[in-house]
Amino acid sequence: MSQTITEDYRKLQQELHQNPNYGVASLQFAPLVADLMKQSGSQSVSDYGAGKKNLLVGLNQVGVNPVYKPYDPAFPEYGTPQTADLVCCIDVLEHIEPELIDNVIAELASITTKIGFFSIHMGPAGKVLSDGRNAHLIQKPTSWWLPKLCQHFDIIQLQTHQVMGNGVWLIVKRIDTVL
């Protein structure tokens, strides 16, 4: 597998995860993910960039208990990314080091067996890394993201949102996947 994070950046992310208000967006998206699981018949969820596992908390709150597979390099105890029916990557892609974003998108494709749910924030974060950079390393419009995502995925649905600022969420399937 290609590199998806540098060691220095992994340490910066571990520091930022000490903030209790960092990594809470997945709670907002949990009801949508639960509906998507039901519609697609997905039993397993890979939470790529799981942080403090708030997606699982949110899913449990709406009565959904999936086979849950967290991955986050800031939490090495979660292990490596695992395949799942539904791969969720919620407000993570904008935090990826720009030179490694293509590797991360390829890794997401490699673990998606049915569909993916990705949300991407477009503007600056309210949080700053300890090195002074904005926590959103990539602040690009949808037109920048789509060609990158379309190298590996077909876009089933794209929706703009205002969860903590301008963003989009997408439902995708890997190009070689038949639904």
C-alpha atoms as a PDB file:
ATOM      1  CA  MET A   1       0.000   0.000   0.000  1.00  0.00           C
ATOM      2  CA  SER A   2       1.218   3.500  -0.785  1.00  0.00           C
ATOM      3  CA  GLN A   3       1.927   6.000   1.956  1.00  0.00           C
ATOM      4  CA  THR A   4      -1.203   7.789   3.182  1.00  0.00           C
ATOM      5  CA  ILE A   5       0.232   9.899   6.033  1.00  0.00           C
ATOM      6  CA  THR A   6       3.652  11.094   7.149  1.00  0.00           C
ATOM      7  CA  GLU A   7       4.822  10.377  10.675  1.00  0.00           C
ATOM      8  CA  ASP A   8       5.133  14.077  11.543  1.00  0.00           C
ATOM      9  CA  TYR A   9       1.556  14.742  10.443  1.00  0.00           C
ATOM     10  CA  ARG A  10       0.273  11.662  12.296  1.00  0.00           C
ATOM     11  CA  LYS A  11       1.711  13.164  15.501  1.00  0.00           C
ATOM     12  CA  LEU A  12       0.041  16.539  14.783  1.00  0.00           C
ATOM     13  CA  GLN A  13      -3.273  14.725  14.331  1.00  0.00           C
ATOM     14  CA  GLN A  14      -2.814  12.863  17.614  1.00  0.00           C
ATOM     15  CA  GLU A  15      -2.339  16.219  19.354  1.00  0.00           C
ATOM     16  CA  LEU A  16      -5.422  17.711  17.705  1.00  0.00           C
ATOM     17  CA  HIS A  17      -7.529  14.693  18.703  1.00  0.00           C
ATOM     18  CA  GLN A  18      -6.933  15.680  22.348  1.00  0.00           C
ATOM     19  CA  ASN A  19      -9.453  18.480  21.708  1.00  0.00           C
ATOM     20  CA  PRO A  20     -12.903  17.103  22.692  1.00  0.00           C
ATOM     21  CA  ASN A  21     -14.562  19.213  19.958  1.00  0.00           C
ATOM     22  CA  TYR A  22     -12.415  17.755  17.176  1.00  0.00           C
ATOM     23  CA  GLY A  23     -13.913  14.976  15.102  1.00  0.00           C
ATOM     24  CA  VAL A  24     -17.600  15.386  15.883  1.00  0.00           C
ATOM     25  CA  ALA A  25     -19.049  15.821  12.355  1.00  0.00           C
ATOM     26  CA  SER A  26     -19.897  12.125  12.014  1.00  0.00           C
ATOM     27  CA  LEU A  27     -22.589  12.499  14.683  1.00  0.00           C
ATOM     28  CA  GLN A  28     -24.466  14.828  12.294  1.00  0.00           C
ATOM     29  CA  PHE A  29     -24.245  12.318   9.443  1.00  0.00           C
ATOM     30  CA  ALA A  30     -25.092   9.139  11.396  1.00  0.00           C
ATOM     31  CA  PRO A  31     -28.851   9.172  10.564  1.00  0.00           C
ATOM     32  CA  LEU A  32     -28.032   9.507   6.854  1.00  0.00           C
ATOM     33  CA  VAL A  33     -25.469   6.679   7.102  1.00  0.00           C
ATOM     34  CA  ALA A  34     -28.044   4.507   8.916  1.00  0.00           C
ATOM     35  CA  ASP A  35     -30.566   5.071   6.091  1.00  0.00           C
ATOM     36  CA  LEU A  36     -27.892   4.312   3.516  1.00  0.00           C
ATOM     37  CA  MET A  37     -27.054   1.049   5.306  1.00  0.00           C
ATOM     38  CA  LYS A  38     -30.700  -0.015   5.212  1.00  0.00           C
ATOM     39  CA  GLN A  39     -31.186   0.974   1.548  1.00  0.00           C
ATOM     40  CA  SER A  40     -28.017  -0.815   0.408  1.00  0.00           C
ATOM     41  CA  GLY A  41     -28.296  -3.852   2.676  1.00  0.00           C
ATOM     42  CA  SER A  42     -24.891  -3.053   4.148  1.00  0.00           C
ATOM     43  CA  GLN A  43     -23.984  -5.012   7.267  1.00  0.00           C
ATOM     44  CA  SER A  44     -20.445  -3.717   7.815  1.00  0.00           C
ATOM     45  CA  VAL A  45     -19.082  -0.189   8.056  1.00  0.00           C
ATOM     46  CA  SER A  46     -15.465   0.826   7.665  1.00  0.00           C
ATOM     47  CA  ASP A  47     -15.048   4.222   9.336  1.00  0.00           C
ATOM     48  CA  TYR A  48     -11.975   5.662   7.598  1.00  0.00           C
ATOM     49  CA  GLY A  49     -10.658   8.450   9.798  1.00  0.00           C
ATOM     50  CA  ALA A  50     -12.774   7.218  12.705  1.00  0.00           C
ATOM     51  CA  GLY A  51     -11.258   9.528  15.291  1.00  0.00           C
ATOM     52  CA  LYS A  52     -13.050   8.898  18.584  1.00  0.00           C
ATOM     53  CA  LYS A  53     -15.583   6.547  16.878  1.00  0.00           C
ATOM     54  CA  ASN A  54     -18.404   9.099  16.968  1.00  0.00           C
ATOM     55  CA  LEU A  55     -19.997   7.517  13.896  1.00  0.00           C
ATOM     56  CA  LEU A  56     -20.580   4.329  15.881  1.00  0.00           C
ATOM     57  CA  VAL A  57     -22.044   6.381  18.748  1.00  0.00           C
ATOM     58  CA  GLY A  58     -24.393   8.145  16.320  1.00  0.00           C
ATOM     59  CA  LEU A  59     -25.421   4.898  14.588  1.00  0.00           C
ATOM     60  CA  ASN A  60     -26.148   3.262  17.945  1.00  0.00           C
ATOM     61  CA  GLN A  61     -28.274   6.291  18.914  1.00  0.00           C
ATOM     62  CA  VAL A  62     -30.520   5.650  15.903  1.00  0.00           C
ATOM     63  CA  GLY A  63     -30.714   1.915  16.626  1.00  0.00           C
ATOM     64  CA  VAL A  64     -28.156   0.620  14.121  1.00  0.00           C
ATOM     65  CA  ASN A  65     -25.408  -1.760  15.291  1.00  0.00           C
ATOM     66  CA  PRO A  66     -23.199  -2.587  12.307  1.00  0.00           C
ATOM     67  CA  VAL A  67     -20.089  -4.690  12.104  1.00  0.00           C
ATOM     68  CA  TYR A  68     -17.929  -1.647  12.802  1.00  0.00           C
ATOM     69  CA  LYS A  69     -14.351  -1.380  11.520  1.00  0.00           C
ATOM     70  CA  PRO A  70     -12.632   1.839  12.617  1.00  0.00           C
ATOM     71  CA  TYR A  71      -9.410   3.108  11.078  1.00  0.00           C
ATOM     72  CA  ASP A  72      -7.488   6.230  11.990  1.00  0.00           C
ATOM     73  CA  PRO A  73      -3.711   6.681  11.865  1.00  0.00           C
ATOM     74  CA  ALA A  74      -3.953   8.913  14.961  1.00  0.00           C
ATOM     75  CA  PHE A  75      -5.257   5.822  16.808  1.00  0.00           C
ATOM     76  CA  PRO A  76      -2.862   2.989  15.863  1.00  0.00           C
ATOM     77  CA  GLU A  77      -4.754   0.596  18.156  1.00  0.00           C
ATOM     78  CA  TYR A  78      -7.552   0.489  15.526  1.00  0.00           C
ATOM     79  CA  GLY A  79      -5.253  -1.335  13.121  1.00  0.00           C
ATOM     80  CA  THR A  80      -5.221  -1.049   9.341  1.00  0.00           C
ATOM     81  CA  PRO A  81      -8.096  -0.057   7.021  1.00  0.00           C
ATOM     82  CA  GLN A  82     -10.502  -2.954   6.495  1.00  0.00           C
ATOM     83  CA  THR A  83     -12.931  -3.775   3.715  1.00  0.00           C
ATOM     84  CA  ALA A  84     -16.632  -3.229   4.335  1.00  0.00           C
ATOM     85  CA  ASP A  85     -19.962  -3.061   2.530  1.00  0.00           C
ATOM     86  CA  LEU A  86     -20.114   0.651   3.330  1.00  0.00           C
ATOM     87  CA  VAL A  87     -16.966   2.761   3.659  1.00  0.00           C
ATOM     88  CA  CYS A  88     -17.511   6.082   5.425  1.00  0.00           C
ATOM     89  CA  CYS A  89     -15.002   8.900   5.236  1.00  0.00           C
ATOM     90  CA  ILE A  90     -16.656  11.794   7.041  1.00  0.00           C
ATOM     91  CA  ASP A  91     -14.907  15.164   7.098  1.00  0.00           C
ATOM     92  CA  VAL A  92     -11.516  13.493   6.678  1.00  0.00           C
ATOM     93  CA  LEU A  93     -10.348  14.064   3.101  1.00  0.00           C
ATOM     94  CA  GLU A  94      -9.808  17.802   3.606  1.00  0.00           C
ATOM     95  CA  HIS A  95      -7.371  16.942   6.430  1.00  0.00           C
ATOM     96  CA  ILE A  96      -5.129  14.751   4.231  1.00  0.00           C
ATOM     97  CA  GLU A  97      -1.694  15.983   3.211  1.00  0.00           C
ATOM     98  CA  PRO A  98      -2.174  17.291  -0.363  1.00  0.00           C
ATOM     99  CA  GLU A  99       0.697  15.240  -1.800  1.00  0.00           C
ATOM    100  CA  LEU A 100      -0.900  12.036  -0.417  1.00  0.00           C
ATOM    101  CA  ILE A 101      -4.578  12.602  -1.293  1.00  0.00           C
ATOM    102  CA  ASP A 102      -4.460  10.410  -4.412  1.00  0.00           C
ATOM    103  CA  ASN A 103      -3.043   7.530  -2.338  1.00  0.00           C
ATOM    104  CA  VAL A 104      -5.807   7.924   0.256  1.00  0.00           C
ATOM    105  CA  ILE A 105      -8.555   7.921  -2.390  1.00  0.00           C
ATOM    106  CA  ALA A 106      -7.020   4.792  -3.954  1.00  0.00           C
ATOM    107  CA  GLU A 107      -6.959   3.149  -0.516  1.00  0.00           C
ATOM    108  CA  LEU A 108     -10.629   4.043   0.017  1.00  0.00           C
ATOM    109  CA  ALA A 109     -11.441   2.355  -3.307  1.00  0.00           C
ATOM    110  CA  SER A 110      -9.475  -0.743  -2.321  1.00  0.00           C
ATOM    111  CA  ILE A 111     -11.578  -1.298   0.825  1.00  0.00           C
ATOM    112  CA  THR A 112     -15.030  -0.424  -0.621  1.00  0.00           C
ATOM    113  CA  THR A 113     -16.998  -3.573  -1.471  1.00  0.00           C
ATOM    114  CA  LYS A 114     -20.473  -2.033  -2.067  1.00  0.00           C
ATOM    115  CA  ILE A 115     -20.666   1.725  -1.599  1.00  0.00           C
ATOM    116  CA  GLY A 116     -18.938   4.675   0.008  1.00  0.00           C
ATOM    117  CA  PHE A 117     -20.222   7.718   1.849  1.00  0.00           C
ATOM    118  CA  PHE A 118     -17.780  10.623   1.853  1.00  0.00           C
ATOM    119  CA  SER A 119     -18.299  14.122   3.198  1.00  0.00           C
ATOM    120  CA  ILE A 120     -15.838  16.870   2.370  1.00  0.00           C
ATOM    121  CA  HIS A 121     -15.649  20.323   3.910  1.00  0.00           C
ATOM    122  CA  MET A 122     -14.607  23.016   1.410  1.00  0.00           C
ATOM    123  CA  GLY A 123     -13.398  25.914   3.538  1.00  0.00           C
ATOM    124  CA  PRO A 124     -11.069  26.540   6.454  1.00  0.00           C
ATOM    125  CA  ALA A 125     -11.470  24.643   9.696  1.00  0.00           C
ATOM    126  CA  GLY A 126     -12.122  26.343  12.992  1.00  0.00           C
ATOM    127  CA  LYS A 127      -9.091  24.510  14.368  1.00  0.00           C
ATOM    128  CA  VAL A 128      -5.369  25.011  13.799  1.00  0.00           C
ATOM    129  CA  LEU A 129      -2.557  22.466  13.955  1.00  0.00           C
ATOM    130  CA  SER A 130       0.178  23.068  16.507  1.00  0.00           C
ATOM    131  CA  ASP A 131       2.528  24.015  13.628  1.00  0.00           C
ATOM    132  CA  GLY A 132       0.197  26.933  12.771  1.00  0.00           C
ATOM    133  CA  ARG A 133      -1.477  25.495   9.655  1.00  0.00           C
ATOM    134  CA  ASN A 134      -5.250  25.358   9.341  1.00  0.00           C
ATOM    135  CA  ALA A 135      -6.527  21.860  10.160  1.00  0.00           C
ATOM    136  CA  HIS A 136      -8.046  21.670   6.656  1.00  0.00           C
ATOM    137  CA  LEU A 137      -4.918  21.200   4.569  1.00  0.00           C
ATOM    138  CA  ILE A 138      -6.997  20.989   1.379  1.00  0.00           C
ATOM    139  CA  GLN A 139      -9.531  23.786   0.836  1.00  0.00           C
ATOM    140  CA  LYS A 140     -10.752  23.153  -2.692  1.00  0.00           C
ATOM    141  CA  PRO A 141     -14.133  23.301  -4.472  1.00  0.00           C
ATOM    142  CA  THR A 142     -16.144  20.307  -5.654  1.00  0.00           C
ATOM    143  CA  SER A 143     -14.717  20.780  -9.162  1.00  0.00           C
ATOM    144  CA  TRP A 144     -11.248  19.936  -7.777  1.00  0.00           C
ATOM    145  CA  TRP A 145     -12.434  16.853  -5.863  1.00  0.00           C
ATOM    146  CA  LEU A 146     -14.618  15.208  -8.488  1.00  0.00           C
ATOM    147  CA  PRO A 147     -11.897  14.319 -11.042  1.00  0.00           C
ATOM    148  CA  LYS A 148      -9.841  12.743  -8.239  1.00  0.00           C
ATOM    149  CA  LEU A 149     -12.774  10.722  -6.917  1.00  0.00           C
ATOM    150  CA  CYS A 150     -13.947   9.743 -10.415  1.00  0.00           C
ATOM    151  CA  GLN A 151     -10.628   7.989 -11.093  1.00  0.00           C
ATOM    152  CA  HIS A 152     -11.827   5.238  -8.708  1.00  0.00           C
ATOM    153  CA  PHE A 153     -15.542   5.769  -8.120  1.00  0.00           C
ATOM    154  CA  ASP A 154     -18.830   6.357  -9.893  1.00  0.00           C
ATOM    155  CA  ILE A 155     -20.792   9.105  -8.167  1.00  0.00           C
ATOM    156  CA  ILE A 156     -24.299   7.872  -7.287  1.00  0.00           C
ATOM    157  CA  GLN A 157     -25.382  11.020  -5.454  1.00  0.00           C
ATOM    158  CA  LEU A 158     -23.806  14.366  -4.617  1.00  0.00           C
ATOM    159  CA  GLN A 159     -25.368  16.829  -2.226  1.00  0.00           C
ATOM    160  CA  THR A 160     -24.150  20.153  -0.867  1.00  0.00           C
ATOM    161  CA  HIS A 161     -24.517  20.737   2.863  1.00  0.00           C
ATOM    162  CA  GLN A 162     -23.895  23.346   5.539  1.00  0.00           C
ATOM    163  CA  VAL A 163     -22.813  21.053   8.397  1.00  0.00           C
ATOM    164  CA  MET A 164     -20.158  23.198  10.084  1.00  0.00           C
ATOM    165  CA  GLY A 165     -19.666  25.218   6.886  1.00  0.00           C
ATOM    166  CA  ASN A 166     -19.744  24.666   3.117  1.00  0.00           C
ATOM    167  CA  GLY A 167     -19.355  21.070   2.109  1.00  0.00           C
ATOM    168  CA  VAL A 168     -20.578  18.187   0.012  1.00  0.00           C
ATOM    169  CA  TRP A 169     -21.432  14.607   0.703  1.00  0.00           C
ATOM    170  CA  LEU A 170     -21.299  11.879  -1.881  1.00  0.00           C
ATOM    171  CA  ILE A 171     -22.539   8.353  -2.231  1.00  0.00           C
ATOM    172  CA  VAL A 172     -20.155   6.453  -4.476  1.00  0.00           C
ATOM    173  CA  LYS A 173     -19.473   2.970  -5.771  1.00  0.00           C
ATOM    174  CA  ARG A 174     -16.166   1.667  -6.938  1.00  0.00           C
ATOM    175  CA  ILE A 175     -15.981   1.776 -10.739  1.00  0.00           C
ATOM    176  CA  ASP A 176     -15.686  -2.009 -11.024  1.00  0.00           C
ATOM    177  CA  THR A 177     -18.538  -2.729  -8.561  1.00  0.00           C
ATOM    178  CA  VAL A 178     -21.920  -3.957  -9.736  1.00  0.00           C
ATOM    179  CA  LEU A 179     -24.836  -3.064  -7.456  1.00  0.00           C
END
